[in-house]
Amino acid sequence: MATHKSAIKRHRQSERRRQRNVSIKSHVKTRVKAVIASVESKDADKAKETLHRAVKVIDKAAAKGVMHKNKASRKISRLAKKVNSLSQAG
């Protein structure tokens, strides 16, 4: 453990940020799972609704720096592709 005053403060800050990041990442994963579940149940309306919510959460995570903007775009793109394939098939 660090003994300098500045190092102790840095440790506190990084721990708070880590906990916040874990929370945000968990929220993103939950929303993504909801989209995938609604796609698998072949419910197009519910899939579009859950996609909209997931996109909002993913964009916020990217804006806060928890997730890289390109990773966020890739996740959104892949989810949208799944939802769109559902509406085209049905």
Protein backbone atom coordinates (compact mmCIF):
# COMPACT_ATOMS: atom_id res chain seq x y z
CA MET A 1 0.00 0.00 0.00
CA ALA A 2 1.17 3.51 -0.82
CA THR A 3 2.32 5.77 2.00
CA HIS A 4 2.54 9.16 0.27
CA LYS A 5 -0.43 11.43 0.76
CA SER A 6 -0.93 11.90 -2.99
CA ALA A 7 -0.66 8.16 -3.66
CA ILE A 8 -3.26 7.42 -0.99
CA LYS A 9 -5.63 9.93 -2.56
CA ARG A 10 -4.99 8.43 -6.01
CA HIS A 11 -5.82 4.99 -4.63
CA ARG A 12 -9.12 6.28 -3.21
CA GLN A 13 -10.00 7.93 -6.52
CA SER A 14 -9.17 4.89 -8.61
CA GLU A 15 -11.23 2.65 -6.33
CA ARG A 16 -14.27 4.94 -6.64
CA ARG A 17 -13.87 5.02 -10.44
CA ARG A 18 -13.46 1.23 -10.59
CA GLN A 19 -16.68 0.70 -8.65
CA ARG A 20 -18.55 3.17 -10.86
CA ASN A 21 -17.21 1.50 -14.01
CA VAL A 22 -18.20 -1.97 -12.77
CA SER A 23 -21.72 -0.71 -12.10
CA ILE A 24 -22.07 0.89 -15.54
CA LYS A 25 -20.64 -2.17 -17.33
CA SER A 26 -23.07 -4.40 -15.46
CA HIS A 27 -25.98 -2.19 -16.52
CA VAL A 28 -24.83 -2.38 -20.16
CA LYS A 29 -24.59 -6.17 -20.01
CA THR A 30 -28.09 -6.43 -18.52
CA ARG A 31 -29.58 -4.28 -21.28
CA VAL A 32 -27.76 -6.25 -23.99
CA LYS A 33 -29.03 -9.53 -22.55
CA ALA A 34 -32.57 -8.13 -22.60
CA VAL A 35 -32.25 -7.31 -26.31
CA ILE A 36 -30.88 -10.76 -27.12
CA ALA A 37 -33.65 -12.43 -25.11
CA SER A 38 -36.36 -10.47 -26.90
CA VAL A 39 -34.80 -11.32 -30.29
CA GLU A 40 -34.72 -15.01 -29.37
CA SER A 41 -38.38 -14.87 -28.33
CA LYS A 42 -39.14 -13.43 -31.82
CA ASP A 43 -41.00 -10.43 -30.41
CA ALA A 44 -40.18 -7.60 -32.85
CA ASP A 45 -41.88 -4.79 -30.91
CA LYS A 46 -40.27 -5.73 -27.62
CA ALA A 47 -36.90 -6.14 -29.37
CA LYS A 48 -37.08 -2.61 -30.79
CA GLU A 49 -38.06 -1.21 -27.39
CA THR A 50 -35.22 -3.00 -25.58
CA LEU A 51 -32.77 -2.01 -28.32
CA HIS A 52 -33.68 1.64 -27.82
CA ARG A 53 -33.00 1.35 -24.08
CA ALA A 54 -29.75 -0.53 -24.64
CA VAL A 55 -28.47 2.06 -27.13
CA LYS A 56 -29.09 4.81 -24.61
CA VAL A 57 -27.15 3.01 -21.88
CA ILE A 58 -24.28 2.05 -24.20
CA ASP A 59 -23.96 5.63 -25.49
CA LYS A 60 -23.84 6.94 -21.92
CA ALA A 61 -21.11 4.45 -21.04
CA ALA A 62 -19.07 5.60 -24.03
CA ALA A 63 -19.60 9.25 -23.15
CA LYS A 64 -18.37 8.65 -19.60
CA GLY A 65 -15.27 6.88 -20.86
CA VAL A 66 -16.20 3.49 -19.41
CA MET A 67 -16.27 2.03 -22.89
CA HIS A 68 -14.40 3.16 -26.03
CA LYS A 69 -16.65 4.92 -28.55
CA ASN A 70 -15.79 2.44 -31.30
CA LYS A 71 -16.63 -0.51 -29.06
CA ALA A 72 -19.95 1.14 -28.24
CA SER A 73 -20.69 1.66 -31.94
CA ARG A 74 -19.81 -1.94 -32.69
CA LYS A 75 -22.10 -3.25 -29.93
CA ILE A 76 -24.98 -1.05 -31.09
CA SER A 77 -24.46 -2.08 -34.70
CA ARG A 78 -24.49 -5.79 -33.90
CA LEU A 79 -27.59 -5.49 -31.73
CA ALA A 80 -29.40 -3.46 -34.38
CA LYS A 81 -28.47 -6.05 -36.98
CA LYS A 82 -30.06 -8.80 -34.86
CA VAL A 83 -33.23 -6.78 -34.31
CA ASN A 84 -33.49 -5.83 -38.01
CA SER A 85 -33.04 -9.43 -39.12
CA LEU A 86 -35.97 -10.33 -36.88
CA SER A 87 -38.26 -7.76 -38.52
CA GLN A 88 -37.20 -8.82 -42.04
CA ALA A 89 -37.72 -12.53 -41.34
CA GLY A 90 -41.20 -11.97 -39.89
